[in-house]
Amino acid sequence: MSGYIGNIPVPQATQVSQKFTATAGQTQFTTVGFTSGYVVVWLNGVKLVPVVDYSDTDNVNIVLTSGAAAGDTLEILAFETFTTANDAGGGLFKGNNGTTGDGNIGRGDIIRVHTQTLDTDVTIDATENAIAGGPLTIDTGVTLTVTTGGNLSIV
């Protein structure tokens, strides 16, 4: 999120924009997919009102209440939400801004603080570099795999 100032939106989202040219009387526009309620729709540059001007209930089609005219432009901006998987145990940052790590507090700064014991299987892929602060203990039954080509540095 380069250039973004402010709290990080949670859940975070990605967006997909699609543009259609209507045929006479066209009401249904098939998209690449979206989450119902997470779309913004414009017809010829005018923002449409959900439920009043269109429906988006099947997560694929935008259906206009009234047919568009031939040559009208329908633009759709769909937001797909996501949250990070298993973000528990992500550690803390400590520094000039205090101790952070709770999403409600915000970003931290200089020093990363984390647990000393790995309790979940982890694989460092061939295209990845990883770093951990030591000493590091690996729980019994837990596997840490560094794939050929991958790198793990413990400092």
N, C-alpha and C. Protein backbone atom coordinates (compact mmCIF):
# COMPACT_ATOMS: atom_id res chain seq x y z
N MET A 1 0.84 -1.18 0.00
CA MET A 1 0.00 0.00 0.00
C MET A 1 0.88 1.25 0.00
N SER A 2 1.73 1.36 -0.95
CA SER A 2 2.64 2.48 -1.04
C SER A 2 1.87 3.79 -1.11
N GLY A 3 2.31 4.75 -0.34
CA GLY A 3 1.68 6.05 -0.37
C GLY A 3 0.45 6.16 0.49
N TYR A 4 0.08 5.10 1.18
CA TYR A 4 -1.12 5.10 2.01
C TYR A 4 -0.80 5.63 3.39
N ILE A 5 -1.60 6.56 3.90
CA ILE A 5 -1.41 7.08 5.25
C ILE A 5 -2.68 6.77 6.03
N GLY A 6 -2.52 6.17 7.19
CA GLY A 6 -3.67 5.87 8.03
C GLY A 6 -3.65 4.44 8.49
N ASN A 7 -4.69 4.07 9.23
CA ASN A 7 -4.80 2.70 9.72
C ASN A 7 -4.97 1.74 8.55
N ILE A 8 -4.45 0.55 8.70
CA ILE A 8 -4.60 -0.47 7.67
C ILE A 8 -6.03 -0.99 7.73
N PRO A 9 -6.78 -0.96 6.62
CA PRO A 9 -8.16 -1.47 6.64
C PRO A 9 -8.16 -2.98 6.90
N VAL A 10 -9.07 -3.41 7.77
CA VAL A 10 -9.19 -4.84 8.08
C VAL A 10 -10.64 -5.22 7.89
N PRO A 11 -11.07 -6.21 7.14
CA PRO A 11 -10.12 -7.00 6.38
C PRO A 11 -9.60 -6.19 5.21
N GLN A 12 -8.41 -6.55 4.76
CA GLN A 12 -7.86 -5.87 3.61
C GLN A 12 -8.60 -6.34 2.36
N ALA A 13 -8.46 -5.62 1.28
CA ALA A 13 -9.21 -5.98 0.08
C ALA A 13 -8.39 -5.73 -1.17
N THR A 14 -8.76 -6.44 -2.21
CA THR A 14 -8.24 -6.17 -3.53
C THR A 14 -9.43 -5.72 -4.36
N GLN A 15 -9.16 -5.12 -5.48
CA GLN A 15 -10.26 -4.67 -6.32
C GLN A 15 -10.06 -5.08 -7.77
N VAL A 16 -11.18 -5.31 -8.43
CA VAL A 16 -11.17 -5.69 -9.84
C VAL A 16 -12.14 -4.75 -10.55
N SER A 17 -11.67 -4.15 -11.62
CA SER A 17 -12.49 -3.23 -12.39
C SER A 17 -12.85 -3.87 -13.73
N GLN A 18 -14.12 -3.75 -14.11
CA GLN A 18 -14.57 -4.25 -15.41
C GLN A 18 -15.44 -3.20 -16.08
N LYS A 19 -15.35 -3.15 -17.42
CA LYS A 19 -16.10 -2.17 -18.20
C LYS A 19 -16.84 -2.90 -19.32
N PHE A 20 -18.11 -2.56 -19.49
CA PHE A 20 -18.94 -3.20 -20.51
C PHE A 20 -19.60 -2.14 -21.38
N THR A 21 -19.81 -2.47 -22.66
CA THR A 21 -20.62 -1.64 -23.55
C THR A 21 -21.92 -2.38 -23.77
N ALA A 22 -23.04 -1.74 -23.43
CA ALA A 22 -24.35 -2.39 -23.44
C ALA A 22 -24.94 -2.48 -24.84
N THR A 23 -25.78 -3.48 -25.00
CA THR A 23 -26.63 -3.58 -26.18
C THR A 23 -27.99 -3.00 -25.79
N ALA A 24 -28.84 -2.74 -26.77
CA ALA A 24 -30.15 -2.14 -26.49
C ALA A 24 -30.96 -3.01 -25.55
N GLY A 25 -31.40 -2.43 -24.43
CA GLY A 25 -32.26 -3.13 -23.48
C GLY A 25 -31.53 -4.10 -22.56
N GLN A 26 -30.22 -4.20 -22.65
CA GLN A 26 -29.47 -5.16 -21.84
C GLN A 26 -29.62 -4.85 -20.35
N THR A 27 -29.92 -5.89 -19.58
CA THR A 27 -30.04 -5.73 -18.13
C THR A 27 -29.00 -6.55 -17.38
N GLN A 28 -28.55 -7.65 -17.95
CA GLN A 28 -27.62 -8.54 -17.24
C GLN A 28 -26.21 -8.41 -17.79
N PHE A 29 -25.24 -8.23 -16.88
CA PHE A 29 -23.84 -8.11 -17.23
C PHE A 29 -23.08 -9.15 -16.41
N THR A 30 -22.45 -10.09 -17.11
CA THR A 30 -21.74 -11.18 -16.44
C THR A 30 -20.30 -10.78 -16.19
N THR A 31 -19.89 -10.85 -14.93
CA THR A 31 -18.56 -10.42 -14.51
C THR A 31 -17.66 -11.64 -14.27
N VAL A 32 -16.44 -11.37 -13.85
CA VAL A 32 -15.52 -12.44 -13.47
C VAL A 32 -15.82 -12.95 -12.07
N GLY A 33 -16.74 -12.30 -11.39
CA GLY A 33 -17.15 -12.70 -10.04
C GLY A 33 -16.84 -11.63 -9.01
N PHE A 34 -17.60 -11.65 -7.94
CA PHE A 34 -17.46 -10.67 -6.88
C PHE A 34 -18.19 -11.18 -5.65
N THR A 35 -18.06 -10.48 -4.55
CA THR A 35 -18.82 -10.78 -3.34
C THR A 35 -19.99 -9.82 -3.29
N SER A 36 -21.20 -10.35 -3.22
CA SER A 36 -22.39 -9.52 -3.19
C SER A 36 -22.29 -8.46 -2.10
N GLY A 37 -22.60 -7.23 -2.46
CA GLY A 37 -22.52 -6.13 -1.51
C GLY A 37 -21.19 -5.40 -1.53
N TYR A 38 -20.20 -5.97 -2.22
CA TYR A 38 -18.88 -5.36 -2.30
C TYR A 38 -18.58 -4.88 -3.71
N VAL A 39 -19.55 -4.26 -4.35
CA VAL A 39 -19.37 -3.72 -5.69
C VAL A 39 -19.89 -2.29 -5.76
N VAL A 40 -19.30 -1.53 -6.67
CA VAL A 40 -19.79 -0.19 -6.99
C VAL A 40 -20.03 -0.21 -8.49
N VAL A 41 -21.18 0.30 -8.93
CA VAL A 41 -21.57 0.22 -10.34
C VAL A 41 -21.90 1.62 -10.84
N TRP A 42 -21.38 1.94 -12.04
CA TRP A 42 -21.67 3.20 -12.70
C TRP A 42 -22.24 2.92 -14.08
N LEU A 43 -23.22 3.70 -14.49
CA LEU A 43 -23.76 3.65 -15.85
C LEU A 43 -23.54 5.02 -16.47
N ASN A 44 -22.72 5.06 -17.51
CA ASN A 44 -22.36 6.32 -18.17
C ASN A 44 -21.83 7.34 -17.17
N GLY A 45 -21.04 6.87 -16.20
CA GLY A 45 -20.41 7.76 -15.23
C GLY A 45 -21.26 8.13 -14.03
N VAL A 46 -22.50 7.66 -14.00
CA VAL A 46 -23.39 7.95 -12.88
C VAL A 46 -23.43 6.74 -11.96
N LYS A 47 -23.09 6.97 -10.69
CA LYS A 47 -23.08 5.86 -9.73
C LYS A 47 -24.50 5.37 -9.48
N LEU A 48 -24.68 4.05 -9.59
CA LEU A 48 -25.99 3.46 -9.40
C LEU A 48 -26.19 3.08 -7.93
N VAL A 49 -27.45 3.02 -7.53
CA VAL A 49 -27.81 2.70 -6.14
C VAL A 49 -28.16 1.21 -6.06
N PRO A 50 -27.47 0.47 -5.17
CA PRO A 50 -27.78 -0.96 -5.02
C PRO A 50 -29.25 -1.16 -4.67
N VAL A 51 -29.82 -2.24 -5.13
CA VAL A 51 -31.22 -2.64 -4.93
C VAL A 51 -32.17 -1.76 -5.74
N VAL A 52 -31.97 -0.45 -5.72
CA VAL A 52 -32.84 0.46 -6.47
C VAL A 52 -32.55 0.38 -7.97
N ASP A 53 -31.26 0.49 -8.34
CA ASP A 53 -30.86 0.53 -9.75
C ASP A 53 -30.34 -0.80 -10.28
N TYR A 54 -29.87 -1.67 -9.38
CA TYR A 54 -29.33 -2.95 -9.83
C TYR A 54 -29.34 -3.94 -8.67
N SER A 55 -29.19 -5.23 -9.02
CA SER A 55 -29.01 -6.26 -8.00
C SER A 55 -27.69 -6.98 -8.27
N ASP A 56 -27.11 -7.53 -7.21
CA ASP A 56 -25.82 -8.22 -7.31
C ASP A 56 -25.82 -9.47 -6.44
N THR A 57 -26.90 -10.20 -6.45
CA THR A 57 -27.11 -11.27 -5.46
C THR A 57 -26.47 -12.61 -5.78
N ASP A 58 -26.04 -12.85 -7.02
CA ASP A 58 -25.52 -14.19 -7.33
C ASP A 58 -23.99 -14.25 -7.42
N ASN A 59 -23.32 -13.15 -7.10
CA ASN A 59 -21.85 -13.08 -7.08
C ASN A 59 -21.20 -13.21 -8.45
N VAL A 60 -21.98 -13.11 -9.52
CA VAL A 60 -21.43 -13.17 -10.87
C VAL A 60 -22.05 -12.10 -11.76
N ASN A 61 -23.37 -11.92 -11.67
CA ASN A 61 -24.08 -11.00 -12.57
C ASN A 61 -24.52 -9.72 -11.88
N ILE A 62 -24.37 -8.62 -12.60
CA ILE A 62 -24.99 -7.36 -12.21
C ILE A 62 -26.24 -7.25 -13.07
N VAL A 63 -27.39 -7.11 -12.43
CA VAL A 63 -28.65 -7.05 -13.16
C VAL A 63 -29.29 -5.69 -12.92
N LEU A 64 -29.41 -4.91 -14.01
CA LEU A 64 -30.00 -3.58 -13.93
C LEU A 64 -31.52 -3.68 -13.77
N THR A 65 -32.09 -2.76 -13.02
CA THR A 65 -33.54 -2.70 -12.86
C THR A 65 -34.21 -2.31 -14.17
N SER A 66 -33.57 -1.38 -14.91
CA SER A 66 -34.07 -0.95 -16.22
C SER A 66 -33.00 -1.23 -17.26
N GLY A 67 -33.43 -1.60 -18.45
CA GLY A 67 -32.48 -1.92 -19.52
C GLY A 67 -31.65 -0.73 -19.94
N ALA A 68 -30.40 -0.98 -20.27
CA ALA A 68 -29.50 0.06 -20.75
C ALA A 68 -29.77 0.33 -22.23
N ALA A 69 -29.32 1.46 -22.69
CA ALA A 69 -29.43 1.80 -24.11
C ALA A 69 -28.19 1.27 -24.84
N ALA A 70 -28.33 1.02 -26.13
CA ALA A 70 -27.19 0.55 -26.93
C ALA A 70 -26.06 1.57 -26.83
N GLY A 71 -24.86 1.07 -26.53
CA GLY A 71 -23.69 1.94 -26.43
C GLY A 71 -23.44 2.50 -25.04
N ASP A 72 -24.37 2.30 -24.09
CA ASP A 72 -24.14 2.76 -22.72
C ASP A 72 -22.91 2.04 -22.16
N THR A 73 -22.22 2.70 -21.27
CA THR A 73 -21.04 2.11 -20.62
C THR A 73 -21.37 1.78 -19.17
N LEU A 74 -21.20 0.51 -18.82
CA LEU A 74 -21.39 0.06 -17.45
C LEU A 74 -20.02 -0.27 -16.89
N GLU A 75 -19.68 0.36 -15.76
CA GLU A 75 -18.41 0.09 -15.11
C GLU A 75 -18.68 -0.49 -13.73
N ILE A 76 -17.89 -1.51 -13.40
CA ILE A 76 -18.06 -2.21 -12.13
C ILE A 76 -16.72 -2.25 -11.42
N LEU A 77 -16.72 -1.89 -10.15
CA LEU A 77 -15.55 -2.01 -9.30
C LEU A 77 -15.92 -2.97 -8.19
N ALA A 78 -15.29 -4.14 -8.19
CA ALA A 78 -15.60 -5.18 -7.21
C ALA A 78 -14.46 -5.28 -6.21
N PHE A 79 -14.80 -5.35 -4.94
CA PHE A 79 -13.82 -5.48 -3.86
C PHE A 79 -13.88 -6.90 -3.33
N GLU A 80 -12.76 -7.57 -3.30
CA GLU A 80 -12.68 -8.92 -2.75
C GLU A 80 -11.93 -8.83 -1.43
N THR A 81 -12.60 -9.17 -0.35
CA THR A 81 -11.97 -9.09 0.95
C THR A 81 -11.09 -10.30 1.22
N PHE A 82 -10.10 -10.10 2.05
CA PHE A 82 -9.28 -11.20 2.52
C PHE A 82 -8.72 -10.85 3.88
N THR A 83 -8.42 -11.85 4.64
CA THR A 83 -7.72 -11.66 5.89
C THR A 83 -6.51 -12.59 5.88
N THR A 84 -5.51 -12.22 6.63
CA THR A 84 -4.34 -13.07 6.66
C THR A 84 -4.66 -14.36 7.38
N ALA A 85 -4.10 -15.45 6.89
CA ALA A 85 -4.36 -16.76 7.49
C ALA A 85 -3.56 -16.92 8.76
N ASN A 86 -4.20 -17.39 9.80
CA ASN A 86 -3.54 -17.73 11.05
C ASN A 86 -2.56 -16.66 11.49
N ASP A 87 -3.06 -15.44 11.72
CA ASP A 87 -2.17 -14.36 12.10
C ASP A 87 -1.85 -14.34 13.59
N ALA A 88 -2.33 -15.32 14.34
CA ALA A 88 -2.00 -15.41 15.76
C ALA A 88 -0.52 -15.72 15.92
N GLY A 89 0.09 -15.18 16.95
CA GLY A 89 1.49 -15.47 17.20
C GLY A 89 2.43 -14.73 16.28
N GLY A 90 1.95 -13.68 15.64
CA GLY A 90 2.76 -12.94 14.70
C GLY A 90 3.85 -12.12 15.34
N GLY A 91 3.86 -12.02 16.66
CA GLY A 91 4.91 -11.28 17.34
C GLY A 91 4.57 -9.82 17.50
N LEU A 92 5.53 -9.09 18.02
CA LEU A 92 5.35 -7.67 18.30
C LEU A 92 6.48 -6.88 17.70
N PHE A 93 6.24 -5.59 17.54
CA PHE A 93 7.29 -4.64 17.20
C PHE A 93 7.41 -3.70 18.38
N LYS A 94 8.63 -3.31 18.72
CA LYS A 94 8.85 -2.36 19.80
C LYS A 94 9.75 -1.25 19.31
N GLY A 95 9.49 -0.04 19.77
CA GLY A 95 10.32 1.08 19.37
C GLY A 95 9.73 2.39 19.80
N ASN A 96 10.00 3.43 19.02
CA ASN A 96 9.57 4.78 19.38
C ASN A 96 8.07 4.93 19.51
N ASN A 97 7.32 4.08 18.83
CA ASN A 97 5.85 4.17 18.87
C ASN A 97 5.26 3.28 19.95
N GLY A 98 6.07 2.71 20.81
CA GLY A 98 5.58 1.83 21.86
C GLY A 98 5.57 0.40 21.38
N THR A 99 4.88 -0.46 22.11
CA THR A 99 4.79 -1.87 21.78
C THR A 99 3.52 -2.10 20.98
N THR A 100 3.66 -2.68 19.79
CA THR A 100 2.49 -2.95 18.96
C THR A 100 2.53 -4.37 18.44
N GLY A 101 1.46 -4.81 17.89
CA GLY A 101 1.32 -6.16 17.38
C GLY A 101 -0.15 -6.49 17.32
N ASP A 102 -0.92 -5.73 18.06
CA ASP A 102 -2.37 -5.83 18.04
C ASP A 102 -2.85 -4.97 16.89
N GLY A 103 -3.65 -5.53 15.98
CA GLY A 103 -4.15 -4.79 14.82
C GLY A 103 -4.91 -3.54 15.19
N ASN A 104 -5.43 -3.45 16.41
CA ASN A 104 -6.17 -2.26 16.84
C ASN A 104 -5.23 -1.12 17.20
N ILE A 105 -3.96 -1.41 17.42
CA ILE A 105 -3.02 -0.37 17.83
C ILE A 105 -2.34 0.26 16.63
N GLY A 106 -1.93 -0.53 15.66
CA GLY A 106 -1.29 0.02 14.47
C GLY A 106 0.10 -0.53 14.27
N ARG A 107 0.86 0.13 13.43
CA ARG A 107 2.20 -0.32 13.09
C ARG A 107 3.19 0.01 14.20
N GLY A 108 4.20 -0.82 14.29
CA GLY A 108 5.27 -0.58 15.24
C GLY A 108 6.48 -0.05 14.51
N ASP A 109 7.65 -0.20 15.14
CA ASP A 109 8.81 0.23 14.38
C ASP A 109 10.02 -0.63 14.62
N ILE A 110 11.02 -0.33 15.22
CA ILE A 110 12.37 -0.83 15.09
C ILE A 110 12.63 -2.28 15.48
N ILE A 111 12.19 -2.74 16.61
CA ILE A 111 12.59 -4.05 17.12
C ILE A 111 11.44 -5.05 17.01
N ARG A 112 11.72 -6.21 16.45
CA ARG A 112 10.72 -7.27 16.31
C ARG A 112 10.91 -8.25 17.46
N VAL A 113 9.83 -8.55 18.17
CA VAL A 113 9.86 -9.47 19.29
C VAL A 113 8.96 -10.65 18.95
N HIS A 114 9.46 -11.89 19.14
CA HIS A 114 8.66 -13.06 18.83
C HIS A 114 9.00 -14.18 19.81
N THR A 115 8.22 -15.24 19.76
CA THR A 115 8.47 -16.37 20.65
C THR A 115 9.75 -17.09 20.24
N GLN A 116 10.29 -17.90 21.14
CA GLN A 116 11.54 -18.60 20.87
C GLN A 116 11.32 -20.02 20.39
N THR A 117 10.05 -20.48 20.39
CA THR A 117 9.77 -21.86 20.04
C THR A 117 8.86 -21.93 18.82
N LEU A 118 9.26 -22.72 17.83
CA LEU A 118 8.45 -22.96 16.64
C LEU A 118 7.51 -24.12 16.96
N ASP A 119 6.20 -23.88 16.88
CA ASP A 119 5.23 -24.92 17.24
C ASP A 119 4.32 -25.31 16.08
N THR A 120 4.68 -24.89 14.86
CA THR A 120 3.90 -25.19 13.66
C THR A 120 4.86 -25.57 12.54
N ASP A 121 4.50 -26.56 11.74
CA ASP A 121 5.33 -26.93 10.59
C ASP A 121 5.49 -25.74 9.66
N VAL A 122 6.72 -25.53 9.19
CA VAL A 122 7.02 -24.42 8.29
C VAL A 122 7.90 -24.93 7.16
N THR A 123 7.61 -24.48 5.92
CA THR A 123 8.45 -24.79 4.76
C THR A 123 8.89 -23.48 4.14
N ILE A 124 10.18 -23.32 3.96
CA ILE A 124 10.73 -22.18 3.24
C ILE A 124 10.91 -22.66 1.80
N ASP A 125 10.15 -22.09 0.88
CA ASP A 125 10.18 -22.53 -0.51
C ASP A 125 11.47 -22.11 -1.22
N ALA A 126 11.73 -22.72 -2.37
CA ALA A 126 12.94 -22.48 -3.13
C ALA A 126 13.09 -21.02 -3.55
N THR A 127 12.01 -20.29 -3.63
CA THR A 127 12.05 -18.90 -4.08
C THR A 127 12.01 -17.92 -2.92
N GLU A 128 12.17 -18.42 -1.70
CA GLU A 128 12.01 -17.55 -0.52
C GLU A 128 13.29 -17.41 0.29
N ASN A 129 13.43 -16.25 0.92
CA ASN A 129 14.44 -16.00 1.93
C ASN A 129 13.69 -15.76 3.23
N ALA A 130 14.20 -16.33 4.32
CA ALA A 130 13.55 -16.15 5.61
C ALA A 130 14.59 -15.81 6.65
N ILE A 131 14.16 -15.13 7.70
CA ILE A 131 15.06 -14.76 8.78
C ILE A 131 14.33 -14.94 10.10
N ALA A 132 15.05 -15.41 11.10
CA ALA A 132 14.49 -15.56 12.44
C ALA A 132 15.55 -15.14 13.44
N GLY A 133 15.10 -14.59 14.56
CA GLY A 133 16.02 -14.24 15.63
C GLY A 133 16.18 -15.44 16.55
N GLY A 134 17.39 -15.76 16.89
CA GLY A 134 17.64 -16.95 17.71
C GLY A 134 17.85 -16.59 19.16
N PRO A 135 18.00 -17.55 20.03
CA PRO A 135 17.97 -18.97 19.70
C PRO A 135 16.56 -19.42 19.33
N LEU A 136 16.49 -20.47 18.52
CA LEU A 136 15.22 -20.99 18.06
C LEU A 136 15.11 -22.45 18.46
N THR A 137 14.02 -22.79 19.14
CA THR A 137 13.76 -24.17 19.53
C THR A 137 12.60 -24.68 18.69
N ILE A 138 12.69 -25.91 18.19
CA ILE A 138 11.62 -26.51 17.40
C ILE A 138 10.96 -27.57 18.25
N ASP A 139 9.63 -27.41 18.47
CA ASP A 139 8.88 -28.37 19.28
C ASP A 139 8.97 -29.78 18.71
N THR A 140 8.85 -30.78 19.57
CA THR A 140 8.83 -32.18 19.17
C THR A 140 7.68 -32.41 18.20
N GLY A 141 7.96 -33.09 17.10
CA GLY A 141 6.93 -33.39 16.11
C GLY A 141 6.72 -32.29 15.09
N VAL A 142 7.40 -31.16 15.25
CA VAL A 142 7.27 -30.03 14.32
C VAL A 142 8.43 -30.11 13.34
N THR A 143 8.15 -29.81 12.06
CA THR A 143 9.17 -29.87 11.02
C THR A 143 9.41 -28.49 10.44
N LEU A 144 10.69 -28.13 10.36
CA LEU A 144 11.11 -26.92 9.67
C LEU A 144 11.88 -27.38 8.44
N THR A 145 11.33 -27.08 7.24
CA THR A 145 11.93 -27.53 5.99
C THR A 145 12.41 -26.33 5.20
N VAL A 146 13.67 -26.38 4.76
CA VAL A 146 14.19 -25.36 3.86
C VAL A 146 14.44 -26.06 2.53
N THR A 147 13.59 -25.78 1.55
CA THR A 147 13.66 -26.41 0.24
C THR A 147 14.95 -25.98 -0.46
N THR A 148 15.53 -26.84 -1.27
CA THR A 148 16.73 -26.51 -2.04
C THR A 148 16.48 -25.22 -2.80
N GLY A 149 17.36 -24.26 -2.60
CA GLY A 149 17.22 -22.95 -3.24
C GLY A 149 16.67 -21.92 -2.28
N GLY A 150 15.97 -22.36 -1.25
CA GLY A 150 15.46 -21.46 -0.23
C GLY A 150 16.54 -21.13 0.78
N ASN A 151 16.37 -20.07 1.53
CA ASN A 151 17.38 -19.66 2.50
C ASN A 151 16.73 -19.30 3.83
N LEU A 152 17.34 -19.73 4.91
CA LEU A 152 16.91 -19.37 6.27
C LEU A 152 18.14 -18.90 7.02
N SER A 153 18.06 -17.68 7.55
CA SER A 153 19.13 -17.14 8.38
C SER A 153 18.59 -16.97 9.78
N ILE A 154 19.35 -17.49 10.75
CA ILE A 154 18.99 -17.29 12.15
C ILE A 154 20.05 -16.40 12.74
N VAL A 155 19.66 -15.25 13.21
CA VAL A 155 20.62 -14.28 13.75
C VAL A 155 20.46 -14.13 15.24
